Amino acid sequence: MKKKYLAVLLTLLLAISSYPFSASAASSTSIFKSKYPKETILSSVTVDLDKDRKQETVILSKQGNFFLIKGKTVKKVAKGIKTDPGWSPAAKLTVFNPAKGEYMIITRYYYPPGNTQIAVYRMIKGKLVRILNETGDLGVGISKTKINQHWKKYRSGGGWEPVTTVHTWNNAKKKFVASGAKN
């Protein structure tokens, strides 16, 4: 009798402790798929963007659309975020943490002849807002706290020189500050 009781109790504990984790992950994608059945998920990230201790999910679809799932609400944030699959790597989502407690989402995609386009989104008043949008015709590097935009500065007499603009998050001003060469 004791063994049966312990087995039932252990089973209940395991079921209860694992339920919220699997349900929350499945529910955001199932909510998304029910609202947008023709979209195919390319990449998704779950992170607390607005510091409310509840996870938001962002999804990038193969069709080039970018979505925010907050609770049971799905909002389209942007469109046209896709690359030529035969030419370059697939578009990417990156969680960017430039300061303590500050989380942002970076979308990155590529297009010929070698350009990298990034957009940085920050949660402001419950909405994902694009706060930085840059193209690097020689690429864009993302480090732990900085975004390095590598581009070509054309000379008036012909030709070009490689230059870099460094975008650093200023937590006091709540914006990116650019240093180095500027467009």
C-alpha atoms as a PDB file:
ATOM      1  CA  MET A   1       0.000   0.000   0.000  1.00  0.00           C
ATOM      2  CA  LYS A   2       2.811   2.377   0.897  1.00  0.00           C
ATOM      3  CA  LYS A   3       4.594   1.627  -2.379  1.00  0.00           C
ATOM      4  CA  LYS A   4       1.461   2.393  -4.402  1.00  0.00           C
ATOM      5  CA  TYR A   5       0.919   5.628  -2.512  1.00  0.00           C
ATOM      6  CA  LEU A   6       4.545   6.712  -3.064  1.00  0.00           C
ATOM      7  CA  ALA A   7       4.401   5.775  -6.751  1.00  0.00           C
ATOM      8  CA  VAL A   8       1.228   7.829  -7.282  1.00  0.00           C
ATOM      9  CA  LEU A   9       2.670  10.756  -5.326  1.00  0.00           C
ATOM     10  CA  LEU A  10       5.933  10.652  -7.283  1.00  0.00           C
ATOM     11  CA  THR A  11       4.051  10.501 -10.594  1.00  0.00           C
ATOM     12  CA  LEU A  12       1.927  13.503  -9.619  1.00  0.00           C
ATOM     13  CA  LEU A  13       4.989  15.500  -8.544  1.00  0.00           C
ATOM     14  CA  LEU A  14       6.778  14.772 -11.803  1.00  0.00           C
ATOM     15  CA  ALA A  15       3.720  15.681 -13.867  1.00  0.00           C
ATOM     16  CA  ILE A  16       3.121  18.931 -11.985  1.00  0.00           C
ATOM     17  CA  SER A  17       6.763  20.036 -12.037  1.00  0.00           C
ATOM     18  CA  SER A  18       7.237  19.427 -15.766  1.00  0.00           C
ATOM     19  CA  TYR A  19       3.871  20.779 -16.954  1.00  0.00           C
ATOM     20  CA  PRO A  20       4.500  24.576 -17.037  1.00  0.00           C
ATOM     21  CA  PHE A  21       7.784  24.311 -18.908  1.00  0.00           C
ATOM     22  CA  SER A  22       6.536  22.170 -21.757  1.00  0.00           C
ATOM     23  CA  ALA A  23       3.145  23.895 -21.884  1.00  0.00           C
ATOM     24  CA  SER A  24       4.563  27.432 -22.140  1.00  0.00           C
ATOM     25  CA  ALA A  25       6.948  26.551 -24.949  1.00  0.00           C
ATOM     26  CA  ALA A  26       4.313  24.622 -26.848  1.00  0.00           C
ATOM     27  CA  SER A  27       1.611  27.199 -26.270  1.00  0.00           C
ATOM     28  CA  SER A  28       3.474  30.136 -27.861  1.00  0.00           C
ATOM     29  CA  THR A  29       4.179  28.191 -31.050  1.00  0.00           C
ATOM     30  CA  SER A  30       0.688  26.670 -31.101  1.00  0.00           C
ATOM     31  CA  ILE A  31      -0.854  30.125 -30.617  1.00  0.00           C
ATOM     32  CA  PHE A  32       1.314  31.394 -33.484  1.00  0.00           C
ATOM     33  CA  LYS A  33       0.440  28.473 -35.775  1.00  0.00           C
ATOM     34  CA  SER A  34      -3.276  28.867 -35.109  1.00  0.00           C
ATOM     35  CA  LYS A  35      -3.193  32.571 -36.009  1.00  0.00           C
ATOM     36  CA  TYR A  36      -0.746  32.291 -38.944  1.00  0.00           C
ATOM     37  CA  PRO A  37      -1.107  28.748 -40.362  1.00  0.00           C
ATOM     38  CA  LYS A  38       0.666  29.598 -43.658  1.00  0.00           C
ATOM     39  CA  GLU A  39       3.831  30.864 -41.926  1.00  0.00           C
ATOM     40  CA  THR A  40       6.726  28.459 -41.345  1.00  0.00           C
ATOM     41  CA  ILE A  41       8.934  29.088 -38.303  1.00  0.00           C
ATOM     42  CA  LEU A  42      12.575  29.672 -39.262  1.00  0.00           C
ATOM     43  CA  SER A  43      13.811  30.755 -35.844  1.00  0.00           C
ATOM     44  CA  SER A  44      12.338  31.563 -32.451  1.00  0.00           C
ATOM     45  CA  VAL A  45      13.681  32.959 -29.200  1.00  0.00           C
ATOM     46  CA  THR A  46      12.047  33.195 -25.782  1.00  0.00           C
ATOM     47  CA  VAL A  47      13.243  35.925 -23.402  1.00  0.00           C
ATOM     48  CA  ASP A  48      11.816  38.421 -20.896  1.00  0.00           C
ATOM     49  CA  LEU A  49      12.056  41.648 -22.910  1.00  0.00           C
ATOM     50  CA  ASP A  50       9.985  43.960 -20.718  1.00  0.00           C
ATOM     51  CA  LYS A  51      11.220  42.910 -17.258  1.00  0.00           C
ATOM     52  CA  ASP A  52       7.802  41.658 -16.113  1.00  0.00           C
ATOM     53  CA  ARG A  53       9.184  38.207 -15.220  1.00  0.00           C
ATOM     54  CA  LYS A  54       7.122  36.655 -18.026  1.00  0.00           C
ATOM     55  CA  GLN A  55       8.761  35.301 -21.139  1.00  0.00           C
ATOM     56  CA  GLU A  56       7.935  36.747 -24.551  1.00  0.00           C
ATOM     57  CA  THR A  57       8.570  34.759 -27.718  1.00  0.00           C
ATOM     58  CA  VAL A  58       9.791  36.281 -30.964  1.00  0.00           C
ATOM     59  CA  ILE A  59       9.490  34.332 -34.193  1.00  0.00           C
ATOM     60  CA  LEU A  60      11.108  34.853 -37.576  1.00  0.00           C
ATOM     61  CA  SER A  61       9.306  33.018 -40.371  1.00  0.00           C
ATOM     62  CA  LYS A  62      10.714  31.617 -43.614  1.00  0.00           C
ATOM     63  CA  GLN A  63       8.393  34.044 -45.385  1.00  0.00           C
ATOM     64  CA  GLY A  64      10.418  36.937 -43.885  1.00  0.00           C
ATOM     65  CA  ASN A  65       7.953  38.088 -41.239  1.00  0.00           C
ATOM     66  CA  PHE A  66       8.895  38.906 -37.644  1.00  0.00           C
ATOM     67  CA  PHE A  67       6.379  38.337 -34.817  1.00  0.00           C
ATOM     68  CA  LEU A  68       6.088  39.006 -31.081  1.00  0.00           C
ATOM     69  CA  ILE A  69       4.050  36.642 -28.901  1.00  0.00           C
ATOM     70  CA  LYS A  70       3.163  38.123 -25.525  1.00  0.00           C
ATOM     71  CA  GLY A  71       0.755  35.975 -23.553  1.00  0.00           C
ATOM     72  CA  LYS A  72      -1.877  34.858 -26.050  1.00  0.00           C
ATOM     73  CA  THR A  73      -1.419  37.855 -28.364  1.00  0.00           C
ATOM     74  CA  VAL A  74       0.542  37.584 -31.618  1.00  0.00           C
ATOM     75  CA  LYS A  75       1.681  40.815 -33.283  1.00  0.00           C
ATOM     76  CA  LYS A  76       3.485  41.196 -36.595  1.00  0.00           C
ATOM     77  CA  VAL A  77       6.453  43.480 -35.934  1.00  0.00           C
ATOM     78  CA  ALA A  78       8.164  43.621 -39.336  1.00  0.00           C
ATOM     79  CA  LYS A  79       8.197  42.039 -42.779  1.00  0.00           C
ATOM     80  CA  GLY A  80      10.750  41.525 -45.545  1.00  0.00           C
ATOM     81  CA  ILE A  81      13.435  39.944 -43.343  1.00  0.00           C
ATOM     82  CA  LYS A  82      14.694  37.205 -45.632  1.00  0.00           C
ATOM     83  CA  THR A  83      17.621  36.286 -47.795  1.00  0.00           C
ATOM     84  CA  ASP A  84      18.123  34.458 -51.054  1.00  0.00           C
ATOM     85  CA  PRO A  85      18.522  30.833 -49.898  1.00  0.00           C
ATOM     86  CA  GLY A  86      20.769  29.947 -52.828  1.00  0.00           C
ATOM     87  CA  TRP A  87      23.092  32.876 -52.242  1.00  0.00           C
ATOM     88  CA  SER A  88      23.530  33.471 -48.527  1.00  0.00           C
ATOM     89  CA  PRO A  89      22.855  32.096 -45.044  1.00  0.00           C
ATOM     90  CA  ALA A  90      19.334  32.246 -43.628  1.00  0.00           C
ATOM     91  CA  ALA A  91      18.156  35.273 -41.678  1.00  0.00           C
ATOM     92  CA  LYS A  92      18.898  35.103 -37.942  1.00  0.00           C
ATOM     93  CA  LEU A  93      17.496  36.217 -34.602  1.00  0.00           C
ATOM     94  CA  THR A  94      19.923  37.164 -31.848  1.00  0.00           C
ATOM     95  CA  VAL A  95      19.271  38.122 -28.223  1.00  0.00           C
ATOM     96  CA  PHE A  96      21.427  41.155 -27.419  1.00  0.00           C
ATOM     97  CA  ASN A  97      22.201  42.044 -23.786  1.00  0.00           C
ATOM     98  CA  PRO A  98      24.141  45.351 -23.913  1.00  0.00           C
ATOM     99  CA  ALA A  99      23.603  46.263 -20.228  1.00  0.00           C
ATOM    100  CA  LYS A 100      22.473  44.579 -17.025  1.00  0.00           C
ATOM    101  CA  GLY A 101      18.779  43.703 -17.295  1.00  0.00           C
ATOM    102  CA  GLU A 102      18.494  45.124 -20.831  1.00  0.00           C
ATOM    103  CA  TYR A 103      17.493  42.627 -23.511  1.00  0.00           C
ATOM    104  CA  MET A 104      16.960  43.397 -27.179  1.00  0.00           C
ATOM    105  CA  ILE A 105      16.353  41.351 -30.309  1.00  0.00           C
ATOM    106  CA  ILE A 106      18.507  41.710 -33.407  1.00  0.00           C
ATOM    107  CA  THR A 107      17.297  40.529 -36.799  1.00  0.00           C
ATOM    108  CA  ARG A 108      20.095  39.941 -39.275  1.00  0.00           C
ATOM    109  CA  TYR A 109      19.828  39.102 -42.953  1.00  0.00           C
ATOM    110  CA  TYR A 110      22.043  39.158 -46.006  1.00  0.00           C
ATOM    111  CA  TYR A 111      21.647  40.259 -49.612  1.00  0.00           C
ATOM    112  CA  PRO A 112      23.947  40.522 -52.648  1.00  0.00           C
ATOM    113  CA  PRO A 113      26.673  41.478 -53.290  1.00  0.00           C
ATOM    114  CA  GLY A 114      27.747  40.992 -49.653  1.00  0.00           C
ATOM    115  CA  ASN A 115      25.629  43.317 -47.550  1.00  0.00           C
ATOM    116  CA  THR A 116      24.396  42.572 -44.053  1.00  0.00           C
ATOM    117  CA  GLN A 117      21.261  44.301 -42.796  1.00  0.00           C
ATOM    118  CA  ILE A 118      20.494  44.418 -39.068  1.00  0.00           C
ATOM    119  CA  ALA A 119      17.628  45.865 -37.085  1.00  0.00           C
ATOM    120  CA  VAL A 120      17.668  46.123 -33.296  1.00  0.00           C
ATOM    121  CA  TYR A 121      14.327  45.956 -31.489  1.00  0.00           C
ATOM    122  CA  ARG A 122      13.656  47.018 -27.910  1.00  0.00           C
ATOM    123  CA  MET A 123      10.473  46.558 -25.893  1.00  0.00           C
ATOM    124  CA  ILE A 124       8.922  49.985 -25.217  1.00  0.00           C
ATOM    125  CA  LYS A 125       5.489  50.199 -23.556  1.00  0.00           C
ATOM    126  CA  GLY A 126       4.561  46.653 -24.553  1.00  0.00           C
ATOM    127  CA  LYS A 127       5.627  46.971 -28.198  1.00  0.00           C
ATOM    128  CA  LEU A 128       8.800  45.908 -29.971  1.00  0.00           C
ATOM    129  CA  VAL A 129      10.192  49.102 -31.482  1.00  0.00           C
ATOM    130  CA  ARG A 130      13.063  49.256 -33.975  1.00  0.00           C
ATOM    131  CA  ILE A 131      15.727  51.483 -32.420  1.00  0.00           C
ATOM    132  CA  LEU A 132      18.628  50.834 -34.795  1.00  0.00           C
ATOM    133  CA  ASN A 133      18.656  49.891 -38.471  1.00  0.00           C
ATOM    134  CA  GLU A 134      22.028  49.591 -40.211  1.00  0.00           C
ATOM    135  CA  THR A 135      23.602  48.046 -43.284  1.00  0.00           C
ATOM    136  CA  GLY A 136      27.192  46.941 -43.491  1.00  0.00           C
ATOM    137  CA  ASP A 137      28.349  46.395 -47.037  1.00  0.00           C
ATOM    138  CA  LEU A 138      31.384  44.583 -45.614  1.00  0.00           C
ATOM    139  CA  GLY A 139      29.431  42.945 -42.786  1.00  0.00           C
ATOM    140  CA  VAL A 140      28.127  43.586 -39.286  1.00  0.00           C
ATOM    141  CA  GLY A 141      29.744  42.110 -36.193  1.00  0.00           C
ATOM    142  CA  ILE A 142      27.912  41.706 -32.900  1.00  0.00           C
ATOM    143  CA  SER A 143      29.972  41.423 -29.737  1.00  0.00           C
ATOM    144  CA  LYS A 144      28.737  41.167 -26.169  1.00  0.00           C
ATOM    145  CA  THR A 145      28.018  44.906 -25.788  1.00  0.00           C
ATOM    146  CA  LYS A 146      28.706  46.506 -29.188  1.00  0.00           C
ATOM    147  CA  ILE A 147      27.613  46.354 -32.804  1.00  0.00           C
ATOM    148  CA  ASN A 148      30.385  46.875 -35.359  1.00  0.00           C
ATOM    149  CA  GLN A 149      29.215  48.060 -38.764  1.00  0.00           C
ATOM    150  CA  HIS A 150      31.867  47.495 -41.470  1.00  0.00           C
ATOM    151  CA  TRP A 151      31.304  49.450 -44.656  1.00  0.00           C
ATOM    152  CA  LYS A 152      32.964  51.041 -47.665  1.00  0.00           C
ATOM    153  CA  LYS A 153      33.771  54.743 -47.641  1.00  0.00           C
ATOM    154  CA  TYR A 154      34.081  55.800 -51.255  1.00  0.00           C
ATOM    155  CA  ARG A 155      36.798  58.271 -52.291  1.00  0.00           C
ATOM    156  CA  SER A 156      35.966  61.206 -54.530  1.00  0.00           C
ATOM    157  CA  GLY A 157      38.717  60.143 -56.957  1.00  0.00           C
ATOM    158  CA  GLY A 158      37.454  56.552 -57.158  1.00  0.00           C
ATOM    159  CA  GLY A 159      37.897  53.447 -55.071  1.00  0.00           C
ATOM    160  CA  TRP A 160      37.000  52.976 -51.430  1.00  0.00           C
ATOM    161  CA  GLU A 161      38.445  52.337 -47.981  1.00  0.00           C
ATOM    162  CA  PRO A 162      37.109  49.923 -45.356  1.00  0.00           C
ATOM    163  CA  VAL A 163      35.813  51.749 -42.270  1.00  0.00           C
ATOM    164  CA  THR A 164      33.992  50.740 -39.102  1.00  0.00           C
ATOM    165  CA  THR A 165      31.286  52.418 -37.071  1.00  0.00           C
ATOM    166  CA  VAL A 166      30.846  51.113 -33.528  1.00  0.00           C
ATOM    167  CA  HIS A 167      27.351  51.335 -32.013  1.00  0.00           C
ATOM    168  CA  THR A 168      27.358  51.185 -28.198  1.00  0.00           C
ATOM    169  CA  TRP A 169      24.249  51.169 -26.007  1.00  0.00           C
ATOM    170  CA  ASN A 170      24.003  54.153 -23.626  1.00  0.00           C
ATOM    171  CA  ASN A 171      21.793  52.930 -20.790  1.00  0.00           C
ATOM    172  CA  ALA A 172      21.272  56.424 -19.317  1.00  0.00           C
ATOM    173  CA  LYS A 173      20.038  57.871 -22.635  1.00  0.00           C
ATOM    174  CA  LYS A 174      18.315  54.615 -23.703  1.00  0.00           C
ATOM    175  CA  LYS A 175      19.801  54.788 -27.189  1.00  0.00           C
ATOM    176  CA  PHE A 176      22.786  53.681 -29.259  1.00  0.00           C
ATOM    177  CA  VAL A 177      25.742  56.029 -29.611  1.00  0.00           C
ATOM    178  CA  ALA A 178      27.875  55.742 -32.760  1.00  0.00           C
ATOM    179  CA  SER A 179      31.636  56.247 -32.760  1.00  0.00           C
ATOM    180  CA  GLY A 180      34.310  55.905 -35.407  1.00  0.00           C
ATOM    181  CA  ALA A 181      33.536  56.595 -39.059  1.00  0.00           C
ATOM    182  CA  LYS A 182      29.988  57.795 -39.735  1.00  0.00           C
ATOM    183  CA  ASN A 183      27.924  57.702 -42.917  1.00  0.00           C
END
